[in-house]
Amino acid sequence: MRNAKSPDRRLTAGQAESLVAISEPWLSCDSCFDQIDGCVDALADGAGHIDLPLRVHLARCTACWEEAETLLSLAARDRNVDEGPLLALMRSLVHPPATEPARSPTFVARTLNRRRR
């Protein structure tokens, strides 16, 4: 039975995903910042690829992800293009749609929350 004063400790889908997410190949934030300008420029110029270590890092590191979004928005403005499609492209490259139901963050969150009860 839950105490009325105790906080709700259920995992969100994002928290569950971060627990089971693959973080290899590893890339430090410093290395990410060294590479992000070139990656953003390439995306803004029409490239449709992000190297795996950078992609994995951006998917797991909120600070670097936000920096990449900001830089891509600025690059779009510099080129006088709509940032929406570029941001959507980057999101699709870094966060591809889940293909396995067992890897779904919602599935993982529900499973972990059931085990806690």
Protein backbone atom coordinates (compact mmCIF):
# COMPACT_ATOMS: atom_id res chain seq x y z
CA MET A 1 0.00 0.00 0.00
CA ARG A 2 1.31 3.42 -0.96
CA ASN A 3 1.70 6.11 1.66
CA ALA A 4 -0.30 9.23 0.77
CA LYS A 5 2.84 11.35 1.10
CA SER A 6 5.13 9.14 -0.97
CA PRO A 7 5.81 10.32 -4.53
CA ASP A 8 4.65 8.40 -7.56
CA ARG A 9 7.67 6.28 -8.50
CA ARG A 10 6.42 4.85 -11.78
CA LEU A 11 8.85 5.11 -14.65
CA THR A 12 8.03 7.22 -17.64
CA ALA A 13 8.52 5.73 -21.08
CA GLY A 14 11.60 7.92 -21.57
CA GLN A 15 13.15 6.79 -18.28
CA ALA A 16 12.54 3.15 -19.13
CA GLU A 17 14.09 3.60 -22.57
CA SER A 18 17.18 5.20 -21.06
CA LEU A 19 17.64 2.18 -18.78
CA VAL A 20 17.69 -0.30 -21.65
CA ALA A 21 19.21 1.88 -24.35
CA ILE A 22 22.38 0.81 -26.07
CA SER A 23 25.12 3.41 -25.55
CA GLU A 24 27.85 1.81 -27.66
CA PRO A 25 29.84 2.93 -29.52
CA TRP A 26 30.60 5.46 -26.80
CA LEU A 27 31.37 9.10 -27.58
CA SER A 28 32.15 11.79 -25.01
CA CYS A 29 30.36 15.14 -24.98
CA ASP A 30 33.67 16.83 -25.86
CA SER A 31 34.05 14.60 -28.92
CA CYS A 32 30.42 15.19 -29.81
CA PHE A 33 30.90 18.97 -29.69
CA ASP A 34 33.99 18.58 -31.88
CA GLN A 35 31.93 16.74 -34.52
CA ILE A 36 28.52 18.39 -34.30
CA ASP A 37 29.30 21.49 -36.40
CA GLY A 38 30.40 19.40 -39.36
CA CYS A 39 27.43 17.09 -39.00
CA VAL A 40 24.95 19.96 -38.83
CA ASP A 41 26.49 21.66 -41.85
CA ALA A 42 26.34 18.41 -43.80
CA LEU A 43 22.66 17.90 -42.90
CA ALA A 44 21.83 21.49 -43.81
CA ASP A 45 23.59 20.98 -47.15
CA GLY A 46 21.54 17.88 -47.95
CA ALA A 47 23.47 14.95 -46.47
CA GLY A 48 21.26 12.23 -45.03
CA HIS A 49 23.71 10.49 -42.73
CA ILE A 50 25.04 10.81 -39.18
CA ASP A 51 27.93 8.58 -38.09
CA LEU A 52 26.92 5.89 -35.62
CA PRO A 53 28.89 7.08 -32.54
CA LEU A 54 27.50 10.59 -32.92
CA ARG A 55 23.98 9.29 -33.55
CA VAL A 56 24.07 7.10 -30.43
CA HIS A 57 25.42 9.95 -28.32
CA LEU A 58 22.80 12.42 -29.53
CA ALA A 59 20.08 9.90 -28.76
CA ARG A 60 21.28 9.54 -25.16
CA CYS A 61 22.57 13.01 -24.22
CA THR A 62 19.94 15.71 -23.84
CA ALA A 63 22.47 18.56 -23.67
CA CYS A 64 24.18 17.57 -26.91
CA TRP A 65 20.84 16.87 -28.62
CA GLU A 66 19.57 20.35 -27.73
CA GLU A 67 22.84 21.88 -28.97
CA ALA A 68 22.51 20.00 -32.27
CA GLU A 69 18.90 21.17 -32.71
CA THR A 70 19.89 24.77 -32.03
CA LEU A 71 22.84 24.62 -34.42
CA LEU A 72 20.70 23.05 -37.14
CA SER A 73 18.07 25.78 -36.72
CA LEU A 74 20.78 28.43 -37.04
CA ALA A 75 22.28 26.70 -40.09
CA ALA A 76 18.84 26.60 -41.73
CA ARG A 77 18.37 30.33 -41.14
CA ASP A 78 21.84 31.06 -42.55
CA ARG A 79 20.89 29.15 -45.69
CA ASN A 80 17.42 30.70 -45.87
CA VAL A 81 15.68 27.31 -45.72
CA ASP A 82 12.84 26.02 -43.57
CA GLU A 83 14.24 24.42 -40.42
CA GLY A 84 11.25 22.07 -39.98
CA PRO A 85 12.26 19.47 -42.58
CA LEU A 86 15.90 19.58 -41.45
CA LEU A 87 14.95 19.02 -37.80
CA ALA A 88 12.60 16.22 -38.84
CA LEU A 89 15.43 14.61 -40.83
CA MET A 90 17.82 14.81 -37.89
CA ARG A 91 15.18 13.36 -35.54
CA SER A 92 14.52 10.48 -37.94
CA LEU A 93 18.25 9.73 -38.20
CA VAL A 94 18.89 9.88 -34.46
CA HIS A 95 15.58 8.44 -33.23
CA PRO A 96 14.40 5.96 -35.88
CA PRO A 97 10.98 4.39 -35.33
CA ALA A 98 11.02 1.33 -33.08
CA THR A 99 10.75 -1.89 -35.03
CA GLU A 100 10.56 -4.37 -32.18
CA PRO A 101 7.63 -4.26 -29.74
CA ALA A 102 9.88 -5.52 -26.93
CA ARG A 103 12.12 -2.45 -27.34
CA SER A 104 9.21 -0.05 -27.13
CA PRO A 105 9.71 2.39 -24.22
CA THR A 106 6.05 2.05 -23.28
CA PHE A 107 6.34 -1.73 -23.14
CA VAL A 108 9.48 -1.51 -21.00
CA ALA A 109 7.95 1.08 -18.64
CA ARG A 110 4.82 -1.01 -18.13
CA THR A 111 6.86 -4.15 -17.52
CA LEU A 112 9.17 -2.50 -15.00
CA ASN A 113 6.27 -0.77 -13.22
CA ARG A 114 4.38 -4.09 -12.91
CA ARG A 115 7.41 -5.71 -11.31
CA ARG A 116 7.61 -2.96 -8.69
CA ARG A 117 4.07 -3.51 -7.40
